[in-house]
Amino acid sequence: MKLKLDLHDIYNRGGEIDRALRDIIDQALTKRASVVEIIPGKGSGQLKKRVLRFLERKEIKSLYHRIDKDAKNHGRLFVYFRH
């Protein structure tokens, strides 16, 4: 199962971004999804950096297996889970 989170609609609302990221991680764990696709978009790269900082938090990092950046589309990340 693959879940998808598109951050285009809330790119400028910090608290909502963190909440949406936490919600999608929780959903992946509950539904035992193997991959979460996160789309911060291309833009200036600030939103992607924010997402990566969120994913690097100690309490979040322990929940997933690894992160891949899409080689063909730098506005997309994949978070892989091992259940």
PDB file of N, CA and C in Angstrom:
ATOM      1  N   MET A   1       0.839  -1.177   0.000  1.00  0.00           N
ATOM      2  CA  MET A   1       0.000   0.000   0.000  1.00  0.00           C
ATOM      3  C   MET A   1       0.886   1.242   0.000  1.00  0.00           C
ATOM      4  N   LYS A   2       0.439   2.250  -0.755  1.00  0.00           N
ATOM      5  CA  LYS A   2       1.185   3.499  -0.861  1.00  0.00           C
ATOM      6  C   LYS A   2       0.250   4.643  -0.485  1.00  0.00           C
ATOM      7  N   LEU A   3       0.731   5.531   0.368  1.00  0.00           N
ATOM      8  CA  LEU A   3      -0.017   6.726   0.743  1.00  0.00           C
ATOM      9  C   LEU A   3       0.653   7.941   0.126  1.00  0.00           C
ATOM     10  N   LYS A   4      -0.119   9.007  -0.063  1.00  0.00           N
ATOM     11  CA  LYS A   4       0.410  10.196  -0.725  1.00  0.00           C
ATOM     12  C   LYS A   4       0.004  11.447   0.050  1.00  0.00           C
ATOM     13  N   LEU A   5       0.950  12.365   0.206  1.00  0.00           N
ATOM     14  CA  LEU A   5       0.679  13.649   0.859  1.00  0.00           C
ATOM     15  C   LEU A   5       1.208  14.766  -0.037  1.00  0.00           C
ATOM     16  N   ASP A   6       0.301  15.602  -0.525  1.00  0.00           N
ATOM     17  CA  ASP A   6       0.674  16.746  -1.362  1.00  0.00           C
ATOM     18  C   ASP A   6       0.601  18.004  -0.496  1.00  0.00           C
ATOM     19  N   LEU A   7       1.716  18.681  -0.345  1.00  0.00           N
ATOM     20  CA  LEU A   7       1.781  19.853   0.539  1.00  0.00           C
ATOM     21  C   LEU A   7       1.557  21.180  -0.183  1.00  0.00           C
ATOM     22  N   HIS A   8       1.203  21.160  -1.453  1.00  0.00           N
ATOM     23  CA  HIS A   8       1.014  22.403  -2.204  1.00  0.00           C
ATOM     24  C   HIS A   8      -0.010  23.341  -1.562  1.00  0.00           C
ATOM     25  N   ASP A   9      -1.092  22.788  -1.042  1.00  0.00           N
ATOM     26  CA  ASP A   9      -2.170  23.626  -0.495  1.00  0.00           C
ATOM     27  C   ASP A   9      -1.819  24.297   0.825  1.00  0.00           C
ATOM     28  N   ILE A  10      -0.873  23.738   1.573  1.00  0.00           N
ATOM     29  CA  ILE A  10      -0.559  24.292   2.903  1.00  0.00           C
ATOM     30  C   ILE A  10       0.910  24.703   3.026  1.00  0.00           C
ATOM     31  N   TYR A  11       1.562  24.979   1.913  1.00  0.00           N
ATOM     32  CA  TYR A  11       2.998  25.262   1.907  1.00  0.00           C
ATOM     33  C   TYR A  11       3.424  26.405   2.820  1.00  0.00           C
ATOM     34  N   ASN A  12       2.534  27.336   3.111  1.00  0.00           N
ATOM     35  CA  ASN A  12       2.916  28.504   3.916  1.00  0.00           C
ATOM     36  C   ASN A  12       2.308  28.501   5.316  1.00  0.00           C
ATOM     37  N   ARG A  13       1.843  27.349   5.781  1.00  0.00           N
ATOM     38  CA  ARG A  13       1.250  27.248   7.113  1.00  0.00           C
ATOM     39  C   ARG A  13       2.022  26.214   7.924  1.00  0.00           C
ATOM     40  N   GLY A  14       3.011  26.673   8.658  1.00  0.00           N
ATOM     41  CA  GLY A  14       3.942  25.815   9.385  1.00  0.00           C
ATOM     42  C   GLY A  14       3.327  24.749  10.268  1.00  0.00           C
ATOM     43  N   GLY A  15       2.414  25.148  11.135  1.00  0.00           N
ATOM     44  CA  GLY A  15       1.799  24.191  12.049  1.00  0.00           C
ATOM     45  C   GLY A  15       1.023  23.113  11.325  1.00  0.00           C
ATOM     46  N   GLU A  16       0.349  23.491  10.249  1.00  0.00           N
ATOM     47  CA  GLU A  16      -0.423  22.520   9.477  1.00  0.00           C
ATOM     48  C   GLU A  16       0.486  21.544   8.742  1.00  0.00           C
ATOM     49  N   ILE A  17       1.643  22.002   8.325  1.00  0.00           N
ATOM     50  CA  ILE A  17       2.601  21.128   7.635  1.00  0.00           C
ATOM     51  C   ILE A  17       3.053  20.023   8.579  1.00  0.00           C
ATOM     52  N   ASP A  18       3.478  20.396   9.776  1.00  0.00           N
ATOM     53  CA  ASP A  18       3.927  19.397  10.757  1.00  0.00           C
ATOM     54  C   ASP A  18       2.801  18.427  11.111  1.00  0.00           C
ATOM     55  N   ARG A  19       1.593  18.959  11.265  1.00  0.00           N
ATOM     56  CA  ARG A  19       0.440  18.123  11.610  1.00  0.00           C
ATOM     57  C   ARG A  19       0.134  17.140  10.474  1.00  0.00           C
ATOM     58  N   ALA A  20       0.172  17.619   9.232  1.00  0.00           N
ATOM     59  CA  ALA A  20      -0.101  16.763   8.078  1.00  0.00           C
ATOM     60  C   ALA A  20       0.957  15.671   7.947  1.00  0.00           C
ATOM     61  N   LEU A  21       2.219  16.033   8.191  1.00  0.00           N
ATOM     62  CA  LEU A  21       3.296  15.041   8.121  1.00  0.00           C
ATOM     63  C   LEU A  21       3.120  13.982   9.201  1.00  0.00           C
ATOM     64  N   ARG A  22       2.807  14.421  10.406  1.00  0.00           N
ATOM     65  CA  ARG A  22       2.613  13.466  11.500  1.00  0.00           C
ATOM     66  C   ARG A  22       1.413  12.553  11.222  1.00  0.00           C
ATOM     67  N   ASP A  23       0.349  13.136  10.677  1.00  0.00           N
ATOM     68  CA  ASP A  23      -0.846  12.348  10.363  1.00  0.00           C
ATOM     69  C   ASP A  23      -0.559  11.272   9.319  1.00  0.00           C
ATOM     70  N   ILE A  24       0.194  11.622   8.279  1.00  0.00           N
ATOM     71  CA  ILE A  24       0.462  10.645   7.222  1.00  0.00           C
ATOM     72  C   ILE A  24       1.391   9.536   7.735  1.00  0.00           C
ATOM     73  N   ILE A  25       2.336   9.879   8.623  1.00  0.00           N
ATOM     74  CA  ILE A  25       3.214   8.866   9.224  1.00  0.00           C
ATOM     75  C   ILE A  25       2.369   7.926  10.086  1.00  0.00           C
ATOM     76  N   ASP A  26       1.476   8.496  10.888  1.00  0.00           N
ATOM     77  CA  ASP A  26       0.598   7.681  11.734  1.00  0.00           C
ATOM     78  C   ASP A  26      -0.304   6.771  10.898  1.00  0.00           C
ATOM     79  N   GLN A  27      -0.824   7.311   9.793  1.00  0.00           N
ATOM     80  CA  GLN A  27      -1.665   6.509   8.900  1.00  0.00           C
ATOM     81  C   GLN A  27      -0.878   5.344   8.313  1.00  0.00           C
ATOM     82  N   ALA A  28       0.352   5.608   7.908  1.00  0.00           N
ATOM     83  CA  ALA A  28       1.197   4.565   7.323  1.00  0.00           C
ATOM     84  C   ALA A  28       1.420   3.448   8.329  1.00  0.00           C
ATOM     85  N   LEU A  29       1.630   3.811   9.574  1.00  0.00           N
ATOM     86  CA  LEU A  29       1.846   2.804  10.612  1.00  0.00           C
ATOM     87  C   LEU A  29       0.563   2.017  10.893  1.00  0.00           C
ATOM     88  N   THR A  30      -0.556   2.714  10.972  1.00  0.00           N
ATOM     89  CA  THR A  30      -1.835   2.067  11.257  1.00  0.00           C
ATOM     90  C   THR A  30      -2.261   1.131  10.129  1.00  0.00           C
ATOM     91  N   LYS A  31      -2.117   1.622   8.880  1.00  0.00           N
ATOM     92  CA  LYS A  31      -2.556   0.835   7.725  1.00  0.00           C
ATOM     93  C   LYS A  31      -1.471  -0.106   7.208  1.00  0.00           C
ATOM     94  N   ARG A  32      -0.310  -0.059   7.857  1.00  0.00           N
ATOM     95  CA  ARG A  32       0.829  -0.888   7.472  1.00  0.00           C
ATOM     96  C   ARG A  32       1.242  -0.639   6.021  1.00  0.00           C
ATOM     97  N   ALA A  33       1.234   0.632   5.627  1.00  0.00           N
ATOM     98  CA  ALA A  33       1.654   1.019   4.274  1.00  0.00           C
ATOM     99  C   ALA A  33       3.167   0.865   4.164  1.00  0.00           C
ATOM    100  N   SER A  34       3.613   0.476   3.000  1.00  0.00           N
ATOM    101  CA  SER A  34       5.054   0.288   2.811  1.00  0.00           C
ATOM    102  C   SER A  34       5.745   1.572   2.359  1.00  0.00           C
ATOM    103  N   VAL A  35       4.984   2.475   1.708  1.00  0.00           N
ATOM    104  CA  VAL A  35       5.584   3.705   1.169  1.00  0.00           C
ATOM    105  C   VAL A  35       4.642   4.882   1.377  1.00  0.00           C
ATOM    106  N   VAL A  36       5.236   6.027   1.724  1.00  0.00           N
ATOM    107  CA  VAL A  36       4.505   7.291   1.734  1.00  0.00           C
ATOM    108  C   VAL A  36       5.214   8.219   0.754  1.00  0.00           C
ATOM    109  N   GLU A  37       4.463   8.738  -0.191  1.00  0.00           N
ATOM    110  CA  GLU A  37       4.998   9.711  -1.144  1.00  0.00           C
ATOM    111  C   GLU A  37       4.635  11.095  -0.618  1.00  0.00           C
ATOM    112  N   ILE A  38       5.645  11.933  -0.425  1.00  0.00           N
ATOM    113  CA  ILE A  38       5.426  13.298   0.060  1.00  0.00           C
ATOM    114  C   ILE A  38       5.832  14.247  -1.060  1.00  0.00           C
ATOM    115  N   ILE A  39       4.931  15.161  -1.405  1.00  0.00           N
ATOM    116  CA  ILE A  39       5.187  16.105  -2.491  1.00  0.00           C
ATOM    117  C   ILE A  39       5.270  17.519  -1.924  1.00  0.00           C
ATOM    118  N   PRO A  40       6.490  17.992  -1.634  1.00  0.00           N
ATOM    119  CA  PRO A  40       6.635  19.376  -1.187  1.00  0.00           C
ATOM    120  C   PRO A  40       6.658  20.338  -2.373  1.00  0.00           C
ATOM    121  N   GLY A  41       6.851  19.834  -3.569  1.00  0.00           N
ATOM    122  CA  GLY A  41       6.941  20.673  -4.758  1.00  0.00           C
ATOM    123  C   GLY A  41       8.367  21.127  -4.993  1.00  0.00           C
ATOM    124  N   LYS A  42       8.574  21.762  -6.127  1.00  0.00           N
ATOM    125  CA  LYS A  42       9.933  22.170  -6.502  1.00  0.00           C
ATOM    126  C   LYS A  42      10.296  23.513  -5.877  1.00  0.00           C
ATOM    127  N   GLY A  43       9.617  24.546  -6.213  1.00  0.00           N
ATOM    128  CA  GLY A  43       9.803  25.870  -5.606  1.00  0.00           C
ATOM    129  C   GLY A  43      11.233  26.223  -5.244  1.00  0.00           C
ATOM    130  N   SER A  44      11.400  26.895  -4.120  1.00  0.00           N
ATOM    131  CA  SER A  44      12.724  27.341  -3.672  1.00  0.00           C
ATOM    132  C   SER A  44      13.477  26.251  -2.930  1.00  0.00           C
ATOM    133  N   GLY A  45      12.786  25.198  -2.547  1.00  0.00           N
ATOM    134  CA  GLY A  45      13.418  24.112  -1.807  1.00  0.00           C
ATOM    135  C   GLY A  45      13.267  24.225  -0.302  1.00  0.00           C
ATOM    136  N   GLN A  46      12.692  25.323   0.181  1.00  0.00           N
ATOM    137  CA  GLN A  46      12.544  25.522   1.624  1.00  0.00           C
ATOM    138  C   GLN A  46      11.566  24.536   2.248  1.00  0.00           C
ATOM    139  N   LEU A  47      10.472  24.242   1.549  1.00  0.00           N
ATOM    140  CA  LEU A  47       9.487  23.305   2.079  1.00  0.00           C
ATOM    141  C   LEU A  47      10.072  21.890   2.137  1.00  0.00           C
ATOM    142  N   LYS A  48      10.826  21.528   1.114  1.00  0.00           N
ATOM    143  CA  LYS A  48      11.465  20.204   1.109  1.00  0.00           C
ATOM    144  C   LYS A  48      12.441  20.093   2.277  1.00  0.00           C
ATOM    145  N   LYS A  49      13.202  21.158   2.537  1.00  0.00           N
ATOM    146  CA  LYS A  49      14.135  21.158   3.671  1.00  0.00           C
ATOM    147  C   LYS A  49      13.377  21.013   4.986  1.00  0.00           C
ATOM    148  N   ARG A  50      12.239  21.679   5.089  1.00  0.00           N
ATOM    149  CA  ARG A  50      11.436  21.578   6.306  1.00  0.00           C
ATOM    150  C   ARG A  50      10.935  20.151   6.511  1.00  0.00           C
ATOM    151  N   VAL A  51      10.479  19.522   5.425  1.00  0.00           N
ATOM    152  CA  VAL A  51       9.996  18.133   5.498  1.00  0.00           C
ATOM    153  C   VAL A  51      11.133  17.214   5.933  1.00  0.00           C
ATOM    154  N   LEU A  52      12.316  17.385   5.347  1.00  0.00           N
ATOM    155  CA  LEU A  52      13.459  16.544   5.706  1.00  0.00           C
ATOM    156  C   LEU A  52      13.862  16.746   7.163  1.00  0.00           C
ATOM    157  N   ARG A  53      13.822  18.000   7.651  1.00  0.00           N
ATOM    158  CA  ARG A  53      14.119  18.257   9.069  1.00  0.00           C
ATOM    159  C   ARG A  53      13.101  17.552   9.966  1.00  0.00           C
ATOM    160  N   PHE A  54      11.830  17.587   9.580  1.00  0.00           N
ATOM    161  CA  PHE A  54      10.796  16.896  10.340  1.00  0.00           C
ATOM    162  C   PHE A  54      11.085  15.399  10.383  1.00  0.00           C
ATOM    163  N   LEU A  55      11.420  14.833   9.242  1.00  0.00           N
ATOM    164  CA  LEU A  55      11.671  13.387   9.162  1.00  0.00           C
ATOM    165  C   LEU A  55      12.937  12.971   9.909  1.00  0.00           C
ATOM    166  N   GLU A  56      13.851  13.905  10.127  1.00  0.00           N
ATOM    167  CA  GLU A  56      15.090  13.602  10.846  1.00  0.00           C
ATOM    168  C   GLU A  56      14.943  13.689  12.366  1.00  0.00           C
ATOM    169  N   ARG A  57      13.807  14.171  12.849  1.00  0.00           N
ATOM    170  CA  ARG A  57      13.591  14.218  14.298  1.00  0.00           C
ATOM    171  C   ARG A  57      13.720  12.809  14.862  1.00  0.00           C
ATOM    172  N   LYS A  58      14.333  12.718  16.010  1.00  0.00           N
ATOM    173  CA  LYS A  58      14.614  11.416  16.620  1.00  0.00           C
ATOM    174  C   LYS A  58      13.365  10.553  16.770  1.00  0.00           C
ATOM    175  N   GLU A  59      12.273  11.157  17.272  1.00  0.00           N
ATOM    176  CA  GLU A  59      11.052  10.380  17.519  1.00  0.00           C
ATOM    177  C   GLU A  59      10.357   9.957  16.222  1.00  0.00           C
ATOM    178  N   ILE A  60      10.595  10.688  15.130  1.00  0.00           N
ATOM    179  CA  ILE A  60       9.995  10.349  13.837  1.00  0.00           C
ATOM    180  C   ILE A  60      10.880   9.350  13.094  1.00  0.00           C
ATOM    181  N   LYS A  61      12.180   9.582  13.133  1.00  0.00           N
ATOM    182  CA  LYS A  61      13.128   8.744  12.398  1.00  0.00           C
ATOM    183  C   LYS A  61      13.040   7.281  12.823  1.00  0.00           C
ATOM    184  N   SER A  62      12.700   7.030  14.071  1.00  0.00           N
ATOM    185  CA  SER A  62      12.610   5.656  14.559  1.00  0.00           C
ATOM    186  C   SER A  62      11.386   4.922  13.997  1.00  0.00           C
ATOM    187  N   LEU A  63      10.460   5.645  13.353  1.00  0.00           N
ATOM    188  CA  LEU A  63       9.226   5.045  12.868  1.00  0.00           C
ATOM    189  C   LEU A  63       9.320   4.493  11.444  1.00  0.00           C
ATOM    190  N   TYR A  64      10.288   4.970  10.660  1.00  0.00           N
ATOM    191  CA  TYR A  64      10.397   4.526   9.273  1.00  0.00           C
ATOM    192  C   TYR A  64      11.753   3.896   9.005  1.00  0.00           C
ATOM    193  N   HIS A  65      11.857   3.264   7.840  1.00  0.00           N
ATOM    194  CA  HIS A  65      13.077   2.545   7.468  1.00  0.00           C
ATOM    195  C   HIS A  65      14.084   3.453   6.748  1.00  0.00           C
ATOM    196  N   ARG A  66      13.635   4.125   5.670  1.00  0.00           N
ATOM    197  CA  ARG A  66      14.546   4.994   4.915  1.00  0.00           C
ATOM    198  C   ARG A  66      13.769   6.011   4.085  1.00  0.00           C
ATOM    199  N   ILE A  67      14.511   7.000   3.563  1.00  0.00           N
ATOM    200  CA  ILE A  67      13.943   8.045   2.707  1.00  0.00           C
ATOM    201  C   ILE A  67      14.692   8.012   1.379  1.00  0.00           C
ATOM    202  N   ASP A  68      13.954   8.178   0.291  1.00  0.00           N
ATOM    203  CA  ASP A  68      14.566   8.335  -1.028  1.00  0.00           C
ATOM    204  C   ASP A  68      14.049   9.616  -1.650  1.00  0.00           C
ATOM    205  N   LYS A  69      14.931  10.314  -2.334  1.00  0.00           N
ATOM    206  CA  LYS A  69      14.532  11.476  -3.116  1.00  0.00           C
ATOM    207  C   LYS A  69      14.357  10.989  -4.549  1.00  0.00           C
ATOM    208  N   ASP A  70      13.308  11.427  -5.199  1.00  0.00           N
ATOM    209  CA  ASP A  70      13.044  11.018  -6.575  1.00  0.00           C
ATOM    210  C   ASP A  70      14.118  11.611  -7.485  1.00  0.00           C
ATOM    211  N   ALA A  71      14.828  10.770  -8.198  1.00  0.00           N
ATOM    212  CA  ALA A  71      15.923  11.215  -9.062  1.00  0.00           C
ATOM    213  C   ALA A  71      15.423  12.046 -10.248  1.00  0.00           C
ATOM    214  N   LYS A  72      14.224  11.767 -10.714  1.00  0.00           N
ATOM    215  CA  LYS A  72      13.693  12.468 -11.887  1.00  0.00           C
ATOM    216  C   LYS A  72      12.854  13.678 -11.532  1.00  0.00           C
ATOM    217  N   ASN A  73      12.384  13.754 -10.289  1.00  0.00           N
ATOM    218  CA  ASN A  73      11.530  14.861  -9.867  1.00  0.00           C
ATOM    219  C   ASN A  73      11.962  15.292  -8.468  1.00  0.00           C
ATOM    220  N   HIS A  74      12.749  16.355  -8.367  1.00  0.00           N
ATOM    221  CA  HIS A  74      13.279  16.758  -7.062  1.00  0.00           C
ATOM    222  C   HIS A  74      12.224  17.378  -6.137  1.00  0.00           C
ATOM    223  N   GLY A  75      10.974  17.433  -6.576  1.00  0.00           N
ATOM    224  CA  GLY A  75       9.888  17.931  -5.742  1.00  0.00           C
ATOM    225  C   GLY A  75       9.098  16.812  -5.083  1.00  0.00           C
ATOM    226  N   ARG A  76       9.731  15.622  -4.964  1.00  0.00           N
ATOM    227  CA  ARG A  76       9.018  14.468  -4.430  1.00  0.00           C
ATOM    228  C   ARG A  76       9.961  13.607  -3.595  1.00  0.00           C
ATOM    229  N   LEU A  77       9.449  13.127  -2.447  1.00  0.00           N
ATOM    230  CA  LEU A  77      10.203  12.251  -1.540  1.00  0.00           C
ATOM    231  C   LEU A  77       9.403  10.984  -1.296  1.00  0.00           C
ATOM    232  N   PHE A  78      10.121   9.900  -1.025  1.00  0.00           N
ATOM    233  CA  PHE A  78       9.483   8.639  -0.664  1.00  0.00           C
ATOM    234  C   PHE A  78      10.003   8.209   0.693  1.00  0.00           C
ATOM    235  N   VAL A  79       9.086   7.870   1.584  1.00  0.00           N
ATOM    236  CA  VAL A  79       9.443   7.378   2.913  1.00  0.00           C
ATOM    237  C   VAL A  79       9.015   5.910   2.962  1.00  0.00           C
ATOM    238  N   TYR A  80       9.983   5.029   3.237  1.00  0.00           N
ATOM    239  CA  TYR A  80       9.715   3.591   3.233  1.00  0.00           C
ATOM    240  C   TYR A  80       9.619   3.066   4.667  1.00  0.00           C
ATOM    241  N   PHE A  81       8.674   2.159   4.854  1.00  0.00           N
ATOM    242  CA  PHE A  81       8.427   1.561   6.167  1.00  0.00           C
ATOM    243  C   PHE A  81       8.683   0.071   6.110  1.00  0.00           C
ATOM    244  N   ARG A  82       9.165  -0.462   7.209  1.00  0.00           N
ATOM    245  CA  ARG A  82       9.355  -1.892   7.354  1.00  0.00           C
ATOM    246  C   ARG A  82       8.544  -2.319   8.567  1.00  0.00           C
ATOM    247  N   HIS A  83       7.502  -3.079   8.335  1.00  0.00           N
ATOM    248  CA  HIS A  83       6.602  -3.468   9.437  1.00  0.00           C
ATOM    249  C   HIS A  83       6.924  -4.847   9.950  1.00  0.00           C
TER     250      HIS A  83
END
